[in-house]
Amino acid sequence: MEHPFPVIDLSYCAPHTINLQIKTDKGATYDGNGVRLFYTKSPRLTLHDRCVLCDAGGKPILTLYWKIMTMHRRCQVFMGESNDSSRLLFSVKKAELLQSGVMRLEVFLAYNKKESECDFRVDVVSGKRSCHVYAGESPTVVASMQNNGGFNVFVCRNVDYAFIVALLMIVKDINFFYDETWNFAKAITPVALGIMMT
């Protein structure tokens, strides 16, 4: 981006490309020199829980809340450890599975009340092998990720890299809910069939 575009804070908008490593098994993010920048209090989101992203000093930066009962599995992200609507930063909605096997997430900033168009979008390749974050509906890539056992991330200049980390924490866990639902369905199907046969 030509000018800094802070979503979380201006201090996270660097004037150059940033390379980050997200250790998905630990929920921790490191810079190119191996210095820890962020970590999560909850390494994995659960059905009725939240995930708090903290900076290296332990200060809560934002909290992710899942609204799992919605059709599109929406996640809301708030400043600090709040869930007050006045502290909403952005929300993420699972939009569609593209024909190419790419899952699309739509990102709406807090001021985008109508949500007629997304402010950012994330296209995730099947298996989370890679993904790209785009500015709105444009072809402009603001961040990209390659999964090499963890997430190797490149964030373009002037883009809020804490915001990108939050998006990728959502990418990391978004299929968790789908998998749990699928596993639950598989588990109860024999039981349901047994009841129908009796």
Protein backbone atom coordinates (compact mmCIF):
# COMPACT_ATOMS: atom_id res chain seq x y z
CA MET A 1 0.00 0.00 0.00
CA GLU A 2 1.15 3.51 -0.77
CA HIS A 3 0.25 4.84 2.69
CA PRO A 4 0.13 3.12 6.11
CA PHE A 5 -3.20 1.41 6.72
CA PRO A 6 -3.50 0.57 10.42
CA VAL A 7 -6.26 -1.80 11.53
CA ILE A 8 -4.83 -2.68 14.95
CA ASP A 9 -2.25 0.09 15.40
CA LEU A 10 -0.03 2.34 13.29
CA SER A 11 3.07 0.94 15.03
CA TYR A 12 2.50 -2.35 13.18
CA CYS A 13 2.73 -0.70 9.76
CA ALA A 14 6.33 -1.02 8.57
CA PRO A 15 7.66 1.01 5.60
CA HIS A 16 9.13 -2.19 4.13
CA THR A 17 8.11 -5.80 3.54
CA ILE A 18 7.99 -7.89 6.73
CA ASN A 19 8.79 -11.61 6.91
CA LEU A 20 7.10 -13.47 9.77
CA GLN A 21 7.12 -17.07 10.94
CA ILE A 22 3.99 -18.33 12.69
CA LYS A 23 4.59 -21.52 14.65
CA THR A 24 1.07 -22.87 14.40
CA ASP A 25 1.66 -25.62 16.97
CA LYS A 26 2.64 -23.03 19.58
CA GLY A 27 0.44 -20.13 18.46
CA ALA A 28 3.52 -17.88 18.41
CA THR A 29 4.76 -15.41 15.78
CA TYR A 30 8.44 -14.55 15.20
CA ASP A 31 10.21 -12.01 13.02
CA GLY A 32 12.94 -12.88 10.51
CA ASN A 33 15.55 -12.91 13.30
CA GLY A 34 13.64 -15.37 15.46
CA VAL A 35 12.43 -12.76 17.94
CA ARG A 36 8.95 -13.51 19.26
CA LEU A 37 6.46 -10.76 18.44
CA PHE A 38 3.11 -12.29 19.39
CA TYR A 39 1.65 -15.33 21.09
CA THR A 40 -1.83 -16.62 21.85
CA LYS A 41 -3.16 -17.44 25.30
CA SER A 42 -5.30 -20.17 23.81
CA PRO A 43 -3.27 -22.15 21.24
CA ARG A 44 -6.45 -23.44 19.61
CA LEU A 45 -9.93 -22.00 19.40
CA THR A 46 -12.70 -24.08 20.92
CA LEU A 47 -16.42 -24.15 20.23
CA HIS A 48 -17.35 -21.83 23.10
CA ASP A 49 -14.08 -20.07 23.82
CA ARG A 50 -11.99 -17.15 22.70
CA CYS A 51 -8.43 -16.67 21.56
CA VAL A 52 -6.36 -13.73 22.84
CA LEU A 53 -3.40 -12.44 20.84
CA CYS A 54 -0.72 -10.86 23.04
CA ASP A 55 2.44 -8.97 22.21
CA ALA A 56 5.85 -10.17 23.35
CA GLY A 57 5.46 -8.34 26.66
CA GLY A 58 2.19 -10.13 27.45
CA LYS A 59 -0.13 -7.21 26.67
CA PRO A 60 -3.41 -8.39 25.09
CA ILE A 61 -3.72 -6.82 21.64
CA LEU A 62 -6.95 -8.35 20.43
CA THR A 63 -9.44 -11.12 21.10
CA LEU A 64 -11.04 -13.46 18.56
CA TYR A 65 -14.59 -14.63 19.25
CA TRP A 66 -16.31 -17.21 17.09
CA LYS A 67 -20.04 -17.11 16.44
CA ILE A 68 -20.22 -20.78 15.54
CA MET A 69 -23.96 -21.02 15.14
CA THR A 70 -24.04 -18.66 12.17
CA MET A 71 -24.35 -20.10 8.67
CA HIS A 72 -21.03 -18.67 7.54
CA ARG A 73 -19.04 -19.30 10.76
CA ARG A 74 -18.32 -15.64 11.49
CA CYS A 75 -15.42 -14.58 13.69
CA GLN A 76 -15.41 -11.19 15.42
CA VAL A 77 -12.18 -9.53 16.52
CA PHE A 78 -12.10 -6.95 19.31
CA MET A 79 -9.44 -4.64 20.70
CA GLY A 80 -7.70 -5.94 23.83
CA GLU A 81 -9.65 -8.53 25.82
CA SER A 82 -13.01 -6.88 25.25
CA ASN A 83 -16.12 -8.17 23.52
CA ASP A 84 -17.89 -4.81 23.66
CA SER A 85 -19.32 -3.78 20.30
CA SER A 86 -17.64 -0.38 20.61
CA ARG A 87 -14.26 -2.17 20.58
CA LEU A 88 -14.94 -4.22 17.45
CA LEU A 89 -12.03 -4.07 15.00
CA PHE A 90 -13.23 -6.34 12.20
CA SER A 91 -15.14 -9.52 11.47
CA VAL A 92 -14.39 -12.44 9.17
CA LYS A 93 -16.93 -14.56 7.34
CA LYS A 94 -16.37 -17.79 5.44
CA ALA A 95 -17.81 -16.84 2.08
CA GLU A 96 -17.55 -19.70 -0.38
CA LEU A 97 -15.50 -22.56 -1.72
CA LEU A 98 -14.28 -21.59 -5.16
CA GLN A 99 -14.25 -24.08 -8.03
CA SER A 100 -10.47 -24.26 -7.85
CA GLY A 101 -10.68 -25.69 -4.32
CA VAL A 102 -9.84 -22.33 -2.75
CA MET A 103 -11.72 -21.27 0.36
CA ARG A 104 -12.55 -17.57 0.48
CA LEU A 105 -12.86 -15.49 3.64
CA GLU A 106 -14.34 -12.02 3.57
CA VAL A 107 -13.09 -9.39 6.03
CA PHE A 108 -15.23 -6.45 7.10
CA LEU A 109 -13.81 -3.59 9.14
CA ALA A 110 -15.90 -2.31 12.03
CA TYR A 111 -17.13 0.81 10.21
CA ASN A 112 -18.37 -1.26 7.24
CA LYS A 113 -21.87 -1.75 8.63
CA LYS A 114 -23.63 -2.63 5.36
CA GLU A 115 -21.03 -5.25 4.34
CA SER A 116 -22.06 -4.87 0.71
CA GLU A 117 -18.39 -5.24 -0.23
CA CYS A 118 -15.56 -6.68 1.84
CA ASP A 119 -12.59 -4.55 2.90
CA PHE A 120 -10.15 -7.45 2.53
CA ARG A 121 -10.45 -11.01 1.34
CA VAL A 122 -8.38 -14.10 2.03
CA ASP A 123 -8.10 -16.94 -0.48
CA VAL A 124 -6.88 -20.15 1.17
CA VAL A 125 -5.68 -23.09 -0.90
CA SER A 126 -7.08 -26.49 0.08
CA GLY A 127 -5.12 -28.02 2.94
CA LYS A 128 -3.96 -24.52 3.93
CA ARG A 129 -0.85 -24.99 1.81
CA SER A 130 -0.85 -21.29 1.01
CA CYS A 131 -3.03 -18.20 1.04
CA HIS A 132 -3.13 -14.63 -0.16
CA VAL A 133 -4.70 -11.59 1.46
CA TYR A 134 -6.13 -9.03 -0.97
CA ALA A 135 -7.28 -5.44 -0.55
CA GLY A 136 -11.06 -5.52 -1.02
CA GLU A 137 -12.17 -6.97 -4.34
CA SER A 138 -9.02 -5.76 -6.08
CA PRO A 139 -6.13 -7.94 -7.35
CA THR A 140 -3.75 -6.14 -4.96
CA VAL A 141 -2.01 -8.64 -2.66
CA VAL A 142 -1.17 -7.20 0.76
CA ALA A 143 0.19 -10.42 2.33
CA SER A 144 0.93 -14.00 1.39
CA MET A 145 1.60 -17.22 3.28
CA GLN A 146 3.27 -20.55 2.51
CA ASN A 147 2.73 -23.47 4.87
CA ASN A 148 6.02 -25.26 5.50
CA GLY A 149 5.07 -26.91 8.77
CA GLY A 150 4.36 -23.42 10.07
CA PHE A 151 3.24 -20.29 8.27
CA ASN A 152 5.95 -18.41 6.38
CA VAL A 153 4.40 -14.99 5.88
CA PHE A 154 5.31 -11.94 3.81
CA VAL A 155 3.48 -8.71 4.64
CA CYS A 156 3.71 -5.84 2.17
CA ARG A 157 4.92 -2.43 3.28
CA ASN A 158 2.51 -0.15 5.14
CA VAL A 159 0.20 -3.09 5.92
CA ASP A 160 -0.67 -3.73 9.56
CA TYR A 161 1.18 -6.98 10.26
CA ALA A 162 -0.63 -7.60 13.56
CA PHE A 163 -3.85 -7.56 11.54
CA ILE A 164 -2.38 -10.11 9.12
CA VAL A 165 -1.29 -12.34 12.01
CA ALA A 166 -4.84 -12.22 13.40
CA LEU A 167 -6.24 -13.22 10.00
CA LEU A 168 -3.83 -16.13 9.76
CA MET A 169 -4.74 -17.33 13.25
CA ILE A 170 -8.30 -17.50 11.94
CA VAL A 171 -7.11 -19.36 8.83
CA LYS A 172 -5.26 -21.80 11.06
CA ASP A 173 -8.39 -22.74 12.98
CA ILE A 174 -11.32 -22.12 10.67
CA ASN A 175 -11.52 -25.70 9.39
CA PHE A 176 -11.39 -26.99 12.96
CA PHE A 177 -15.09 -26.30 13.32
CA TYR A 178 -15.90 -27.93 9.99
CA ASP A 179 -13.83 -30.99 10.88
CA GLU A 180 -15.44 -31.32 14.29
CA THR A 181 -18.91 -31.05 12.73
CA TRP A 182 -18.00 -33.64 10.10
CA ASN A 183 -16.56 -36.01 12.69
CA PHE A 184 -19.66 -35.58 14.84
CA ALA A 185 -21.90 -36.31 11.86
CA LYS A 186 -19.92 -39.45 11.03
CA ALA A 187 -20.12 -40.58 14.64
CA ILE A 188 -23.88 -40.22 14.97
CA THR A 189 -24.81 -41.58 11.53
CA PRO A 190 -24.54 -45.28 12.55
CA VAL A 191 -26.52 -44.53 15.68
CA ALA A 192 -29.20 -42.73 13.70
CA LEU A 193 -29.38 -45.57 11.19
CA GLY A 194 -29.68 -48.07 14.03
CA ILE A 195 -32.61 -46.16 15.49
CA MET A 196 -34.30 -46.01 12.09
CA MET A 197 -33.89 -49.76 11.58
CA THR A 198 -35.48 -50.67 14.93
